[in-house]
Amino acid sequence: MMNFDKPKFITFEGGEGSGKSTQSKMLYEFLLSKRIKAIHTREVGGTIEAEKIRHLLVYSELLPMSELLLVMAARYEHLSKVIIPSMLDGFWVICDRFIDSTACYQSGESGLTIEDIFELHDHLMNVSYEDEAKNTWSKAIMPDLTFFMDIPPEIGLERVATRGDANKFEAKNMAFHRNIYERFKSIAAMHTDRIVPINCVNKTVDEIHKVVIDKIFY
């Protein structure tokens, strides 16, 4: 059970078709039903400017380092304009993807390791803000809790195929998606204090949602 003294920043991670978007929205709706102030957002995106960057990333062929720098630019906008202000106003922030996805998707081909991506996040996302007590802080915000939707890419991509209109990441070969999956598992093992893996194979949407709720509230 989490400490409820202040709003929480909770993220959902996983490969394509893992169900993270569905589960993040279900948690958001659950919080609202309990009269807990919350917002639901996503990465890459969350602001008008960051959504424009998202479209460029998803539908344009860019060099790997260019992709990484654009993701970081979008995140700085997102943190500065949405995530931090919302939490200072007492809202829980539920986010579909965050730093873990960046470490999975933008490491490797960019020439950077997973560890490099986290270090870059620490340096570049050092956002300054003022809290309710008028204290000024400057640090890289990390999620309080992250749920990793653990599902093999073979199953996730079957779900994606039923949606149609695949973006450039969804359309990549199985080797790419297998690498992403293994990176997610590696990150989950590195950050056991923050990341909760959920084995989503043979579980219904409601069963997965119950695991999420039980972890947070009970």
Protein backbone atom coordinates (compact mmCIF):
# COMPACT_ATOMS: atom_id res chain seq x y z
CA MET A 1 0.00 0.00 0.00
CA MET A 2 1.27 3.45 -0.89
CA ASN A 3 1.73 6.48 1.34
CA PHE A 4 -1.12 8.86 0.47
CA ASP A 5 0.28 12.00 2.07
CA LYS A 6 0.85 13.57 -1.34
CA PRO A 7 -0.20 13.00 -4.99
CA LYS A 8 1.50 10.16 -6.82
CA PHE A 9 3.08 9.86 -10.24
CA ILE A 10 2.28 6.41 -11.66
CA THR A 11 3.39 5.13 -15.05
CA PHE A 12 2.49 2.14 -17.20
CA GLU A 13 5.05 0.49 -19.44
CA GLY A 14 5.23 -2.33 -21.94
CA GLY A 15 5.62 -3.23 -25.57
CA GLU A 16 3.16 -2.74 -28.39
CA GLY A 17 -0.25 -4.25 -27.63
CA SER A 18 0.62 -4.99 -24.00
CA GLY A 19 -2.51 -3.30 -22.63
CA LYS A 20 -0.73 -0.48 -20.80
CA SER A 21 -2.94 2.23 -22.33
CA THR A 22 -6.09 0.38 -21.29
CA GLN A 23 -4.83 -0.20 -17.76
CA SER A 24 -3.63 3.38 -17.28
CA LYS A 25 -7.06 4.69 -18.28
CA MET A 26 -8.80 2.19 -15.99
CA LEU A 27 -6.70 3.34 -13.03
CA TYR A 28 -7.44 6.98 -13.85
CA GLU A 29 -11.17 6.28 -13.97
CA PHE A 30 -10.98 4.31 -10.71
CA LEU A 31 -9.29 7.24 -8.96
CA LEU A 32 -11.97 9.62 -10.17
CA SER A 33 -14.65 7.22 -8.91
CA LYS A 34 -13.04 7.44 -5.45
CA ARG A 35 -13.04 11.25 -5.62
CA ILE A 36 -9.25 11.35 -5.93
CA LYS A 37 -8.07 14.18 -8.16
CA ALA A 38 -6.17 12.75 -11.12
CA ILE A 39 -5.13 13.37 -14.70
CA HIS A 40 -4.36 10.88 -17.45
CA THR A 41 -1.58 11.71 -19.90
CA ARG A 42 0.89 9.99 -22.20
CA GLU A 43 4.35 10.05 -23.69
CA VAL A 44 5.51 10.96 -26.15
CA GLY A 45 2.91 13.75 -25.84
CA GLY A 46 0.87 15.36 -23.11
CA THR A 47 1.10 18.94 -24.38
CA ILE A 48 0.20 20.53 -27.72
CA GLU A 49 3.87 20.86 -28.62
CA ALA A 50 4.81 17.38 -27.44
CA GLU A 51 1.92 15.83 -29.41
CA LYS A 52 3.36 17.43 -32.56
CA ILE A 53 6.71 15.86 -31.73
CA ARG A 54 4.93 12.52 -31.22
CA HIS A 55 3.49 12.62 -34.72
CA LEU A 56 6.93 13.37 -36.15
CA LEU A 57 8.50 10.50 -34.20
CA VAL A 58 5.85 7.94 -35.04
CA TYR A 59 5.41 8.66 -38.74
CA SER A 60 8.82 9.97 -39.89
CA GLU A 61 12.08 8.14 -40.46
CA LEU A 62 14.66 9.85 -38.25
CA LEU A 63 18.18 9.09 -37.16
CA PRO A 64 18.24 7.28 -33.77
CA MET A 65 19.95 10.15 -31.95
CA SER A 66 17.46 12.63 -33.43
CA GLU A 67 14.62 10.49 -32.07
CA LEU A 68 16.16 10.44 -28.61
CA LEU A 69 16.67 14.20 -28.47
CA LEU A 70 13.12 14.84 -29.65
CA VAL A 71 11.75 12.49 -26.98
CA MET A 72 13.71 14.38 -24.33
CA ALA A 73 12.50 17.75 -25.63
CA ALA A 74 8.89 16.54 -25.52
CA ARG A 75 9.38 15.22 -21.98
CA TYR A 76 10.78 18.52 -20.73
CA GLU A 77 7.66 20.26 -22.05
CA HIS A 78 5.46 17.58 -20.50
CA LEU A 79 7.10 17.72 -17.08
CA SER A 80 7.27 21.51 -16.97
CA LYS A 81 3.77 22.25 -18.23
CA VAL A 82 1.67 19.28 -17.10
CA ILE A 83 3.15 16.71 -14.72
CA ILE A 84 4.78 18.91 -12.08
CA PRO A 85 2.08 21.64 -12.06
CA SER A 86 -0.63 18.98 -11.72
CA MET A 87 1.07 17.31 -8.77
CA LEU A 88 1.64 20.65 -7.07
CA ASP A 89 -2.12 21.24 -7.46
CA GLY A 90 -2.84 17.96 -5.68
CA PHE A 91 -3.54 15.75 -8.70
CA TRP A 92 -2.31 12.20 -9.15
CA VAL A 93 -0.65 11.82 -12.56
CA ILE A 94 -1.25 8.60 -14.46
CA CYS A 95 1.02 8.37 -17.49
CA ASP A 96 1.07 5.95 -20.42
CA ARG A 97 4.87 5.48 -20.93
CA PHE A 98 7.76 7.49 -19.50
CA ILE A 99 11.53 7.09 -19.04
CA ASP A 100 11.54 3.27 -19.19
CA SER A 101 10.13 3.30 -22.72
CA THR A 102 12.80 5.80 -23.75
CA ALA A 103 15.50 3.53 -22.35
CA CYS A 104 14.05 0.58 -24.26
CA TYR A 105 13.25 2.17 -27.61
CA GLN A 106 16.01 4.78 -27.92
CA SER A 107 19.03 2.86 -26.57
CA GLY A 108 21.07 0.60 -28.79
CA GLU A 109 20.84 2.17 -32.23
CA SER A 110 21.51 5.61 -30.77
CA GLY A 111 24.85 4.35 -29.51
CA LEU A 112 23.76 4.80 -25.90
CA THR A 113 23.08 2.13 -23.29
CA ILE A 114 20.04 1.86 -21.02
CA GLU A 115 22.15 3.33 -18.22
CA ASP A 116 23.17 6.23 -20.47
CA ILE A 117 19.51 7.07 -21.15
CA PHE A 118 18.68 7.17 -17.44
CA GLU A 119 21.70 9.36 -16.78
CA LEU A 120 20.65 11.69 -19.60
CA HIS A 121 17.18 11.91 -18.05
CA ASP A 122 18.72 12.89 -14.71
CA HIS A 123 20.70 15.69 -16.34
CA LEU A 124 18.19 17.06 -18.85
CA MET A 125 14.97 16.74 -16.83
CA ASN A 126 16.30 18.80 -13.94
CA VAL A 127 13.14 20.94 -13.88
CA SER A 128 12.90 23.81 -11.39
CA TYR A 129 9.62 24.35 -9.54
CA GLU A 130 8.19 25.90 -6.38
CA ASP A 131 6.15 23.83 -3.93
CA GLU A 132 3.20 24.88 -1.76
CA ALA A 133 5.55 26.11 0.97
CA LYS A 134 7.25 28.37 -1.58
CA ASN A 135 10.38 26.23 -1.48
CA THR A 136 12.22 26.09 -4.79
CA TRP A 137 13.29 22.65 -6.00
CA SER A 138 15.23 21.46 -9.00
CA LYS A 139 15.45 17.77 -9.80
CA ALA A 140 14.62 15.12 -12.35
CA ILE A 141 11.17 13.72 -11.50
CA MET A 142 10.80 9.93 -11.51
CA PRO A 143 7.61 7.89 -11.09
CA ASP A 144 6.57 6.80 -7.62
CA LEU A 145 5.39 3.51 -9.08
CA THR A 146 5.56 1.84 -12.48
CA PHE A 147 3.55 -1.11 -13.75
CA PHE A 148 5.24 -3.20 -16.44
CA MET A 149 2.71 -5.07 -18.55
CA ASP A 150 4.69 -8.27 -19.09
CA ILE A 151 3.45 -9.96 -22.24
CA PRO A 152 5.52 -11.59 -25.01
CA PRO A 153 5.67 -9.49 -28.20
CA GLU A 154 4.17 -12.29 -30.26
CA ILE A 155 0.91 -11.91 -28.35
CA GLY A 156 1.01 -8.11 -28.21
CA LEU A 157 1.58 -7.76 -31.95
CA GLU A 158 -1.41 -10.00 -32.66
CA ARG A 159 -3.54 -7.44 -30.83
CA VAL A 160 -1.93 -4.58 -32.74
CA ALA A 161 -2.69 -6.29 -36.06
CA THR A 162 -6.41 -6.23 -35.32
CA ARG A 163 -6.32 -2.43 -34.91
CA GLY A 164 -4.79 -1.70 -38.32
CA ASP A 165 -2.89 1.48 -39.31
CA ALA A 166 0.36 0.39 -37.67
CA ASN A 167 2.89 3.12 -36.96
CA LYS A 168 6.60 2.72 -37.77
CA PHE A 169 7.41 1.09 -34.42
CA GLU A 170 4.54 -1.39 -34.54
CA ALA A 171 5.51 -2.32 -38.11
CA LYS A 172 9.10 -3.32 -37.20
CA ASN A 173 10.18 -6.96 -37.32
CA MET A 174 9.89 -9.46 -34.49
CA ALA A 175 13.58 -9.22 -33.61
CA PHE A 176 13.12 -5.51 -32.82
CA HIS A 177 10.13 -6.19 -30.57
CA ARG A 178 11.87 -9.08 -28.85
CA ASN A 179 14.80 -6.79 -28.02
CA ILE A 180 12.38 -4.19 -26.61
CA TYR A 181 10.72 -6.84 -24.47
CA GLU A 182 14.05 -8.07 -23.09
CA ARG A 183 15.10 -4.50 -22.28
CA PHE A 184 11.86 -3.92 -20.37
CA LYS A 185 12.48 -7.07 -18.34
CA SER A 186 16.05 -5.99 -17.67
CA ILE A 187 14.94 -2.55 -16.45
CA ALA A 188 12.26 -4.12 -14.23
CA ALA A 189 14.94 -6.29 -12.63
CA MET A 190 17.17 -3.23 -12.10
CA HIS A 191 14.46 -1.13 -10.44
CA THR A 192 12.51 -3.52 -8.23
CA ASP A 193 11.82 -0.72 -5.74
CA ARG A 194 9.75 1.13 -8.34
CA ILE A 195 8.62 -1.29 -11.03
CA VAL A 196 5.92 -3.91 -10.56
CA PRO A 197 5.85 -6.51 -13.36
CA ILE A 198 2.43 -7.98 -14.09
CA ASN A 199 2.28 -11.24 -16.02
CA CYS A 200 -0.58 -10.43 -18.36
CA VAL A 201 -0.71 -13.76 -20.21
CA ASN A 202 -4.05 -15.50 -19.72
CA LYS A 203 -5.36 -12.68 -17.53
CA THR A 204 -8.45 -10.66 -18.34
CA VAL A 205 -8.44 -6.87 -18.39
CA ASP A 206 -10.33 -6.83 -15.08
CA GLU A 207 -7.93 -9.29 -13.44
CA ILE A 208 -4.96 -7.11 -14.38
CA HIS A 209 -6.78 -4.02 -13.12
CA LYS A 210 -7.33 -5.77 -9.77
CA VAL A 211 -3.58 -6.42 -9.46
CA VAL A 212 -2.95 -2.70 -10.04
CA ILE A 213 -5.54 -1.58 -7.50
CA ASP A 214 -4.42 -4.09 -4.89
CA LYS A 215 -0.81 -2.95 -5.20
CA ILE A 216 -1.73 0.71 -4.69
CA PHE A 217 -4.51 0.55 -2.10
CA TYR A 218 -4.20 -2.70 -0.14
